[in-house]
Amino acid sequence: MPQTIFVNLPVADLARSVAFYEAVGATRHPRFSDETATCMVFSESIHMMLMTHAKFAEFCPRPIADARQMIQVLLCLSAASRAEVNGKVEAAVAAGGKADPSKIDEYEMMYGRSFEDPDGHLWGINWIDPALTGSPQGAAAAA
């Protein structure tokens, strides 16, 4: 059975964060959402719980860090193409995020950009050329 990852993020304004993540491609899962937390689905195996600070504090004994001041985690998602990478960053900016707080990664086999969400959480979006990675999908694409 494949594992599912649930990323939990504290957010200052739950409605604003839900709208932001919908704009970059996640969908709201109503069954696991209420006025204190919302489950956002990126794929069958990647889910994110956006939680109000009060709700997040119920799970963690430490103070909530201000993500604009310090980094605890860098979250990354894959993209199917360079155009998808650029599109995700553009969607993030249009929804109130900040483009490219980290340097753009430009390599022969990889292209990556980043965005910052309204709470300061950093996300990377990366495309890796399957023809150059040695993966079975890449071998088929190169043939």
Protein backbone atom coordinates (compact mmCIF):
# COMPACT_ATOMS: atom_id res chain seq x y z
CA MET A 1 0.00 0.00 0.00
CA PRO A 2 1.55 3.35 -0.99
CA GLN A 3 2.13 5.85 1.76
CA THR A 4 0.42 9.22 1.90
CA ILE A 5 2.19 12.29 3.19
CA PHE A 6 0.29 14.93 5.16
CA VAL A 7 2.18 18.21 5.46
CA ASN A 8 0.82 20.35 8.31
CA LEU A 9 1.25 24.13 8.06
CA PRO A 10 0.15 26.83 10.50
CA VAL A 11 -1.53 29.75 8.73
CA ALA A 12 -2.65 33.17 9.93
CA ASP A 13 -5.74 33.40 7.69
CA LEU A 14 -7.26 30.04 6.78
CA ALA A 15 -9.58 31.31 4.02
CA ARG A 16 -6.75 33.26 2.37
CA SER A 17 -4.48 30.21 2.46
CA VAL A 18 -7.14 27.90 1.02
CA ALA A 19 -7.70 30.33 -1.87
CA PHE A 20 -3.94 30.58 -2.42
CA TYR A 21 -3.39 26.82 -2.60
CA GLU A 22 -6.44 26.33 -4.84
CA ALA A 23 -4.87 28.88 -7.20
CA VAL A 24 -1.67 26.81 -7.43
CA GLY A 25 -3.51 23.58 -8.16
CA ALA A 26 -4.52 21.94 -4.88
CA THR A 27 -8.13 20.97 -4.23
CA ARG A 28 -10.01 21.27 -0.95
CA HIS A 29 -11.09 18.00 0.68
CA PRO A 30 -14.34 18.94 2.43
CA ARG A 31 -14.54 15.82 4.60
CA PHE A 32 -11.34 16.75 6.42
CA SER A 33 -12.00 20.48 6.69
CA ASP A 34 -13.68 22.76 9.20
CA GLU A 35 -13.29 26.32 10.50
CA THR A 36 -9.92 25.50 12.13
CA ALA A 37 -8.25 23.34 9.47
CA THR A 38 -8.58 22.50 5.78
CA CYS A 39 -7.16 19.52 3.95
CA MET A 40 -5.71 20.45 0.55
CA VAL A 41 -4.99 17.64 -1.93
CA PHE A 42 -2.10 17.86 -4.40
CA SER A 43 -2.27 14.20 -5.48
CA GLU A 44 -3.43 10.81 -4.22
CA SER A 45 -0.35 10.64 -2.01
CA ILE A 46 0.27 14.30 -1.09
CA HIS A 47 -2.10 16.15 1.22
CA MET A 48 -1.60 19.32 3.21
CA MET A 49 -3.41 20.33 6.37
CA LEU A 50 -3.66 24.11 6.68
CA MET A 51 -4.34 24.90 10.33
CA THR A 52 -5.10 28.05 12.25
CA HIS A 53 -2.37 28.85 14.73
CA ALA A 54 -4.65 27.79 17.61
CA LYS A 55 -5.34 24.41 16.00
CA PHE A 56 -1.69 23.83 15.06
CA ALA A 57 -0.66 24.59 18.66
CA GLU A 58 -2.82 21.68 19.86
CA PHE A 59 -0.38 19.29 18.13
CA CYS A 60 2.95 20.98 18.85
CA PRO A 61 4.36 21.98 22.23
CA ARG A 62 6.80 24.54 20.77
CA PRO A 63 6.07 28.10 19.66
CA ILE A 64 5.08 28.56 16.03
CA ALA A 65 7.90 30.10 14.04
CA ASP A 66 7.37 33.06 11.73
CA ALA A 67 8.22 31.50 8.36
CA ARG A 68 9.21 34.93 7.03
CA GLN A 69 12.02 35.13 9.59
CA MET A 70 13.37 31.58 9.82
CA ILE A 71 13.27 28.39 7.77
CA GLN A 72 12.35 25.02 9.17
CA VAL A 73 11.42 23.20 5.99
CA LEU A 74 11.51 23.71 2.22
CA LEU A 75 8.64 21.96 0.48
CA CYS A 76 9.07 20.82 -3.14
CA LEU A 77 6.71 19.46 -5.77
CA SER A 78 7.51 18.03 -9.18
CA ALA A 79 6.22 19.38 -12.48
CA ALA A 80 5.79 17.69 -15.85
CA SER A 81 7.50 20.48 -17.82
CA ARG A 82 9.36 23.78 -17.63
CA ALA A 83 6.12 25.49 -18.66
CA GLU A 84 4.31 23.90 -15.71
CA VAL A 85 7.05 25.14 -13.35
CA ASN A 86 6.60 28.68 -14.65
CA GLY A 87 2.81 28.37 -14.58
CA LYS A 88 2.76 27.30 -10.92
CA VAL A 89 4.98 30.21 -9.91
CA GLU A 90 2.85 32.64 -11.94
CA ALA A 91 -0.32 31.26 -10.31
CA ALA A 92 1.26 31.68 -6.87
CA VAL A 93 2.11 35.32 -7.59
CA ALA A 94 -1.39 36.01 -8.93
CA ALA A 95 -2.82 34.54 -5.71
CA GLY A 96 -0.70 36.77 -3.44
CA GLY A 97 2.56 34.86 -3.20
CA LYS A 98 6.10 35.97 -3.96
CA ALA A 99 8.07 34.57 -6.90
CA ASP A 100 11.56 33.14 -6.64
CA PRO A 101 12.65 33.85 -3.07
CA SER A 102 15.36 31.27 -3.80
CA LYS A 103 17.61 31.22 -6.85
CA ILE A 104 16.30 29.67 -10.06
CA ASP A 105 17.83 26.23 -10.69
CA GLU A 106 18.82 25.95 -14.35
CA TYR A 107 20.63 22.75 -15.29
CA GLU A 108 20.70 20.47 -18.34
CA MET A 109 18.45 17.91 -16.68
CA MET A 110 16.55 20.07 -14.20
CA TYR A 111 14.70 23.37 -14.00
CA GLY A 112 13.34 24.70 -10.76
CA ARG A 113 11.78 27.84 -9.37
CA SER A 114 10.22 28.69 -6.05
CA PHE A 115 7.48 30.71 -4.44
CA GLU A 116 6.58 31.96 -0.99
CA ASP A 117 3.00 31.60 0.23
CA PRO A 118 1.19 34.38 2.13
CA ASP A 119 2.53 33.05 5.45
CA GLY A 120 6.14 32.89 4.28
CA HIS A 121 6.35 29.11 3.67
CA LEU A 122 8.74 28.33 0.81
CA TRP A 123 7.88 25.95 -2.00
CA GLY A 124 10.06 24.67 -4.81
CA ILE A 125 8.61 23.49 -8.14
CA ASN A 126 11.02 21.31 -10.11
CA TRP A 127 11.03 19.66 -13.53
CA ILE A 128 13.57 16.92 -14.16
CA ASP A 129 14.10 15.79 -17.76
CA PRO A 130 13.11 12.09 -17.74
CA ALA A 131 15.29 11.43 -20.80
CA LEU A 132 18.40 12.30 -18.81
CA THR A 133 17.68 10.69 -15.44
CA GLY A 134 17.98 7.05 -16.41
CA SER A 135 14.42 6.30 -15.29
CA PRO A 136 12.32 3.77 -17.29
CA GLN A 137 10.06 6.65 -18.36
CA GLY A 138 13.12 8.58 -19.49
CA ALA A 139 14.48 5.67 -21.51
CA ALA A 140 11.13 5.35 -23.32
CA ALA A 141 11.00 9.10 -23.98
CA ALA A 142 14.55 9.11 -25.36
CA ALA A 143 13.87 6.17 -27.73
